Amino acid sequence: MNPAPGLGILAVLYIAVMAVLIGLAVYVLILVITFLRLRIAELRRTAPPKGETGPGE
C-alpha cells in the first residue's frame, strides 16, 4: 500500500508546471535576442559613417 498516494499526482503537476515555465523562459529569451538584433541593426543604419563626426562636434 502506498503511504502517500497524492505524491504521484503532485510530482506530475510539478513536472508539468516546470516544463511550462522552462518553455516560457526559452520563448522570452528568443524574443529578447530577436529584438536586440533588430535594434542593433537599426542603430547601425542610423549611425554616421566611420570617420565622420556628428553635428556640433
N, C-alpha and C. Protein backbone atom coordinates (compact mmCIF):
# COMPACT_ATOMS: atom_id res chain seq x y z
N MET A 1 0.83 -1.18 0.00
CA MET A 1 0.00 0.00 0.00
C MET A 1 0.88 1.25 0.00
N ASN A 2 0.53 2.20 -0.83
CA ASN A 2 1.31 3.42 -0.95
C ASN A 2 0.91 4.38 0.19
N PRO A 3 1.87 4.82 1.02
CA PRO A 3 1.52 5.69 2.14
C PRO A 3 1.13 7.10 1.70
N ALA A 4 1.55 7.53 0.54
CA ALA A 4 1.23 8.88 0.08
C ALA A 4 0.75 8.82 -1.37
N PRO A 5 -0.52 8.49 -1.58
CA PRO A 5 -0.99 8.34 -2.97
C PRO A 5 -1.02 9.65 -3.74
N GLY A 6 -1.11 10.79 -3.05
CA GLY A 6 -1.16 12.08 -3.72
C GLY A 6 0.20 12.55 -4.20
N LEU A 7 1.25 11.91 -3.74
CA LEU A 7 2.60 12.33 -4.10
C LEU A 7 2.84 12.18 -5.59
N GLY A 8 2.32 11.14 -6.20
CA GLY A 8 2.49 10.94 -7.63
C GLY A 8 1.82 12.03 -8.44
N ILE A 9 0.64 12.42 -8.02
CA ILE A 9 -0.09 13.48 -8.72
C ILE A 9 0.65 14.80 -8.58
N LEU A 10 1.15 15.07 -7.37
CA LEU A 10 1.90 16.31 -7.16
C LEU A 10 3.17 16.33 -7.99
N ALA A 11 3.82 15.20 -8.11
CA ALA A 11 5.05 15.13 -8.92
C ALA A 11 4.74 15.41 -10.38
N VAL A 12 3.66 14.85 -10.88
CA VAL A 12 3.27 15.08 -12.28
C VAL A 12 2.92 16.54 -12.49
N LEU A 13 2.18 17.14 -11.57
CA LEU A 13 1.84 18.56 -11.68
C LEU A 13 3.08 19.44 -11.61
N TYR A 14 4.01 19.09 -10.73
CA TYR A 14 5.26 19.84 -10.62
C TYR A 14 6.05 19.79 -11.93
N ILE A 15 6.15 18.61 -12.50
CA ILE A 15 6.88 18.45 -13.77
C ILE A 15 6.18 19.25 -14.87
N ALA A 16 4.86 19.21 -14.90
CA ALA A 16 4.13 19.95 -15.93
C ALA A 16 4.34 21.46 -15.77
N VAL A 17 4.27 21.96 -14.56
CA VAL A 17 4.46 23.40 -14.32
C VAL A 17 5.88 23.81 -14.66
N MET A 18 6.85 23.01 -14.28
CA MET A 18 8.25 23.33 -14.60
C MET A 18 8.47 23.32 -16.11
N ALA A 19 7.87 22.38 -16.82
CA ALA A 19 8.02 22.33 -18.28
C ALA A 19 7.44 23.58 -18.93
N VAL A 20 6.29 24.03 -18.44
CA VAL A 20 5.68 25.25 -18.97
C VAL A 20 6.56 26.45 -18.68
N LEU A 21 7.08 26.55 -17.46
CA LEU A 21 7.94 27.68 -17.11
C LEU A 21 9.22 27.69 -17.92
N ILE A 22 9.82 26.54 -18.13
CA ILE A 22 11.04 26.46 -18.94
C ILE A 22 10.72 26.85 -20.39
N GLY A 23 9.59 26.40 -20.89
CA GLY A 23 9.18 26.77 -22.24
C GLY A 23 8.99 28.27 -22.38
N LEU A 24 8.35 28.90 -21.40
CA LEU A 24 8.16 30.35 -21.42
C LEU A 24 9.49 31.09 -21.33
N ALA A 25 10.40 30.59 -20.51
CA ALA A 25 11.71 31.23 -20.38
C ALA A 25 12.48 31.17 -21.70
N VAL A 26 12.44 30.05 -22.38
CA VAL A 26 13.12 29.92 -23.67
C VAL A 26 12.46 30.84 -24.69
N TYR A 27 11.14 30.92 -24.69
CA TYR A 27 10.41 31.79 -25.61
C TYR A 27 10.80 33.25 -25.39
N VAL A 28 10.85 33.68 -24.14
CA VAL A 28 11.22 35.06 -23.83
C VAL A 28 12.67 35.32 -24.25
N LEU A 29 13.55 34.36 -24.02
CA LEU A 29 14.95 34.52 -24.41
C LEU A 29 15.07 34.69 -25.92
N ILE A 30 14.34 33.91 -26.69
CA ILE A 30 14.36 34.03 -28.15
C ILE A 30 13.83 35.40 -28.58
N LEU A 31 12.75 35.86 -27.95
CA LEU A 31 12.21 37.18 -28.28
C LEU A 31 13.21 38.29 -27.97
N VAL A 32 13.86 38.22 -26.83
CA VAL A 32 14.83 39.25 -26.45
C VAL A 32 15.98 39.27 -27.44
N ILE A 33 16.50 38.11 -27.80
CA ILE A 33 17.60 38.06 -28.75
C ILE A 33 17.17 38.64 -30.10
N THR A 34 15.98 38.29 -30.55
CA THR A 34 15.48 38.79 -31.84
C THR A 34 15.35 40.31 -31.82
N PHE A 35 14.72 40.85 -30.79
CA PHE A 35 14.52 42.30 -30.73
C PHE A 35 15.83 43.04 -30.54
N LEU A 36 16.78 42.47 -29.80
CA LEU A 36 18.08 43.12 -29.66
C LEU A 36 18.82 43.16 -30.99
N ARG A 37 18.75 42.06 -31.75
CA ARG A 37 19.39 42.05 -33.07
C ARG A 37 18.77 43.10 -33.98
N LEU A 38 17.45 43.23 -33.95
CA LEU A 38 16.79 44.25 -34.77
C LEU A 38 17.19 45.65 -34.33
N ARG A 39 17.26 45.87 -33.04
CA ARG A 39 17.62 47.19 -32.51
C ARG A 39 19.06 47.55 -32.86
N ILE A 40 19.97 46.59 -32.76
CA ILE A 40 21.36 46.85 -33.12
C ILE A 40 21.47 47.19 -34.60
N ALA A 41 20.75 46.45 -35.45
CA ALA A 41 20.76 46.73 -36.88
C ALA A 41 20.22 48.13 -37.16
N GLU A 42 19.17 48.53 -36.44
CA GLU A 42 18.60 49.86 -36.62
C GLU A 42 19.59 50.95 -36.19
N LEU A 43 20.28 50.73 -35.08
CA LEU A 43 21.26 51.71 -34.61
C LEU A 43 22.42 51.82 -35.59
N ARG A 44 22.83 50.71 -36.18
CA ARG A 44 23.93 50.76 -37.15
C ARG A 44 23.51 51.51 -38.41
N ARG A 45 22.25 51.38 -38.82
CA ARG A 45 21.78 52.09 -40.01
C ARG A 45 21.75 53.59 -39.78
N THR A 46 21.39 54.01 -38.58
CA THR A 46 21.25 55.44 -38.31
C THR A 46 22.55 56.08 -37.84
N ALA A 47 23.55 55.29 -37.53
CA ALA A 47 24.83 55.84 -37.05
C ALA A 47 25.56 56.50 -38.22
N PRO A 48 26.30 57.59 -37.95
CA PRO A 48 27.08 58.20 -39.02
C PRO A 48 28.20 57.26 -39.46
N PRO A 49 28.63 57.37 -40.71
CA PRO A 49 29.74 56.51 -41.18
C PRO A 49 30.99 56.74 -40.36
N LYS A 50 31.87 55.74 -40.35
CA LYS A 50 33.10 55.84 -39.58
C LYS A 50 33.96 56.98 -40.13
N GLY A 51 34.60 57.70 -39.20
CA GLY A 51 35.46 58.81 -39.59
C GLY A 51 34.74 60.13 -39.64
N GLU A 52 33.44 60.13 -39.70
CA GLU A 52 32.69 61.39 -39.71
C GLU A 52 32.22 61.68 -38.28
N THR A 53 32.23 62.95 -37.95
CA THR A 53 31.75 63.34 -36.62
C THR A 53 30.31 63.77 -36.75
N GLY A 54 29.64 63.70 -35.65
CA GLY A 54 28.24 64.10 -35.63
C GLY A 54 28.09 65.61 -35.65
N PRO A 55 26.87 66.10 -35.71
CA PRO A 55 26.65 67.55 -35.72
C PRO A 55 27.09 68.20 -34.42
N GLY A 56 27.75 69.34 -34.55
CA GLY A 56 28.18 70.07 -33.35
C GLY A 56 29.51 69.63 -32.82
N GLU A 57 30.17 68.75 -33.48
CA GLU A 57 31.49 68.29 -32.99
C GLU A 57 32.59 68.83 -33.84
